[in-house]
């Protein structure tokens, strides 16, 4: 008896699952026509920093004092102790035609604009513009 119930529940659960999935990808407007919603992947802003870097501390202090995280979505990645982050930083620098051995921290990568920004004052200026 329980095998029969399981056998019946499986197709029903698949239908429900499919229906739930399609509602995530479609929007029905007032005219009852269906529009497909294209999910946008958020473009990232990544701030590469070093734990002992004094210029990085200046940027971190600005970000904290001005509560930038409340208005601008960004990620911070430490590069002095994390080799993967350091390699990632080098790859981002290459996209801006910068030699990896000439790039230091703080370093900001804005994927939306493809911008590479280095130096505490330049990065603070960038966040001031974004924080308006």
Protein backbone atom coordinates (compact mmCIF):
# COMPACT_ATOMS: atom_id res chain seq x y z
CA UNK A 1 0.00 0.00 0.00
CA UNK A 2 2.77 2.48 0.89
CA UNK A 3 4.52 1.73 -2.41
CA UNK A 4 1.35 2.76 -4.27
CA UNK A 5 1.21 6.04 -2.37
CA UNK A 6 4.88 6.68 -3.02
CA UNK A 7 4.37 5.82 -6.69
CA UNK A 8 1.53 8.39 -6.89
CA UNK A 9 3.30 11.07 -4.85
CA UNK A 10 6.44 11.06 -6.94
CA UNK A 11 4.81 12.36 -10.17
CA UNK A 12 2.73 14.86 -8.19
CA UNK A 13 5.82 16.20 -6.42
CA UNK A 14 7.61 16.51 -9.76
CA UNK A 15 4.72 18.58 -11.15
CA UNK A 16 4.70 20.82 -8.09
CA UNK A 17 8.48 21.23 -8.28
CA UNK A 18 8.30 22.15 -11.96
CA UNK A 19 5.53 24.66 -11.29
CA UNK A 20 7.54 26.28 -8.51
CA UNK A 21 10.59 26.45 -10.70
CA UNK A 22 8.76 28.11 -13.58
CA UNK A 23 7.26 30.78 -11.32
CA UNK A 24 10.80 31.81 -10.42
CA UNK A 25 11.65 32.31 -14.07
CA UNK A 26 8.43 33.86 -15.33
CA UNK A 27 6.36 36.87 -14.44
CA UNK A 28 2.71 37.15 -15.41
CA UNK A 29 1.79 40.74 -16.07
CA UNK A 30 -1.70 42.30 -15.86
CA UNK A 31 -2.59 41.15 -19.37
CA UNK A 32 -1.91 37.53 -18.34
CA UNK A 33 0.92 37.28 -20.80
CA UNK A 34 4.08 35.62 -19.59
CA UNK A 35 7.42 37.44 -19.60
CA UNK A 36 10.62 35.54 -18.97
CA UNK A 37 12.77 37.10 -16.30
CA UNK A 38 16.47 36.95 -16.98
CA UNK A 39 18.35 36.59 -13.74
CA UNK A 40 21.16 39.09 -13.56
CA UNK A 41 24.31 38.12 -11.81
CA UNK A 42 25.45 41.00 -9.67
CA UNK A 43 28.65 42.53 -10.89
CA UNK A 44 31.24 42.50 -8.16
CA UNK A 45 33.31 45.18 -6.55
CA UNK A 46 36.34 43.64 -4.89
CA UNK A 47 38.73 45.46 -2.60
CA UNK A 48 42.04 43.63 -2.27
CA UNK A 49 44.00 44.52 0.84
CA UNK A 50 46.86 43.44 3.05
CA UNK A 51 46.40 42.88 6.75
CA UNK A 52 49.49 44.92 7.67
CA UNK A 53 49.22 47.52 4.89
CA UNK A 54 48.95 51.07 6.33
CA UNK A 55 47.27 52.43 3.17
CA UNK A 56 44.70 49.65 3.38
CA UNK A 57 43.95 50.69 6.95
CA UNK A 58 43.19 54.22 5.72
CA UNK A 59 40.63 52.81 3.25
CA UNK A 60 39.15 50.45 5.85
CA UNK A 61 38.79 53.34 8.30
CA UNK A 62 37.00 55.46 5.68
CA UNK A 63 34.65 52.57 4.82
CA UNK A 64 33.80 51.98 8.49
CA UNK A 65 33.37 55.65 9.47
CA UNK A 66 31.12 56.35 6.49
CA UNK A 67 29.15 53.08 6.70
CA UNK A 68 29.79 52.48 3.02
CA UNK A 69 28.74 48.84 3.33
CA UNK A 70 25.15 50.01 3.88
CA UNK A 71 25.02 51.62 0.43
CA UNK A 72 27.61 49.84 -1.70
CA UNK A 73 27.93 46.09 -2.04
CA UNK A 74 31.58 45.06 -2.11
CA UNK A 75 33.83 42.21 -1.07
CA UNK A 76 37.18 42.48 0.69
CA UNK A 77 39.91 39.94 0.03
CA UNK A 78 43.19 39.73 1.93
CA UNK A 79 46.17 38.96 -0.33
CA UNK A 80 49.25 38.78 1.89
CA UNK A 81 48.24 35.61 3.70
CA UNK A 82 45.91 34.17 1.06
CA UNK A 83 47.72 32.99 -2.07
CA UNK A 84 44.47 32.35 -4.00
CA UNK A 85 43.39 35.95 -3.45
CA UNK A 86 46.84 37.17 -4.50
CA UNK A 87 46.62 35.19 -7.74
CA UNK A 88 43.12 36.53 -8.34
CA UNK A 89 44.41 40.08 -7.84
CA UNK A 90 47.12 39.44 -10.43
CA UNK A 91 44.49 38.23 -12.91
CA UNK A 92 42.34 41.33 -12.35
CA UNK A 93 45.40 43.54 -12.84
CA UNK A 94 46.06 41.82 -16.18
CA UNK A 95 42.58 42.79 -17.39
CA UNK A 96 43.63 46.42 -16.96
CA UNK A 97 46.96 45.82 -18.71
CA UNK A 98 48.87 46.19 -15.45
CA UNK A 99 51.89 44.04 -14.69
CA UNK A 100 51.15 41.83 -11.71
CA UNK A 101 54.55 42.56 -10.16
CA UNK A 102 53.84 46.29 -10.23
CA UNK A 103 50.46 46.12 -8.51
CA UNK A 104 50.13 46.62 -4.78
CA UNK A 105 47.38 47.02 -2.26
CA UNK A 106 44.96 48.52 -1.71
CA UNK A 107 43.60 47.58 -5.11
CA UNK A 108 39.99 47.75 -6.22
CA UNK A 109 38.37 45.85 -9.08
CA UNK A 110 34.98 47.05 -10.33
CA UNK A 111 33.61 44.35 -12.61
CA UNK A 112 30.77 46.58 -13.83
CA UNK A 113 33.08 49.11 -15.42
CA UNK A 114 36.17 46.92 -15.75
CA UNK A 115 38.03 49.50 -13.68
CA UNK A 116 41.17 48.85 -11.70
CA UNK A 117 41.87 51.42 -9.01
CA UNK A 118 44.90 51.47 -6.76
CA UNK A 119 45.98 53.66 -3.89
CA UNK A 120 44.08 54.68 -0.79
CA UNK A 121 43.03 58.14 -1.98
CA UNK A 122 41.84 56.92 -5.39
CA UNK A 123 39.81 54.14 -3.78
CA UNK A 124 38.31 56.50 -1.21
CA UNK A 125 37.35 58.87 -4.04
CA UNK A 126 35.72 55.93 -5.87
CA UNK A 127 33.65 54.99 -2.80
CA UNK A 128 32.66 58.62 -2.18
CA UNK A 129 31.15 58.68 -5.67
CA UNK A 130 29.38 55.34 -5.16
CA UNK A 131 28.16 56.31 -1.68
CA UNK A 132 26.21 59.38 -2.82
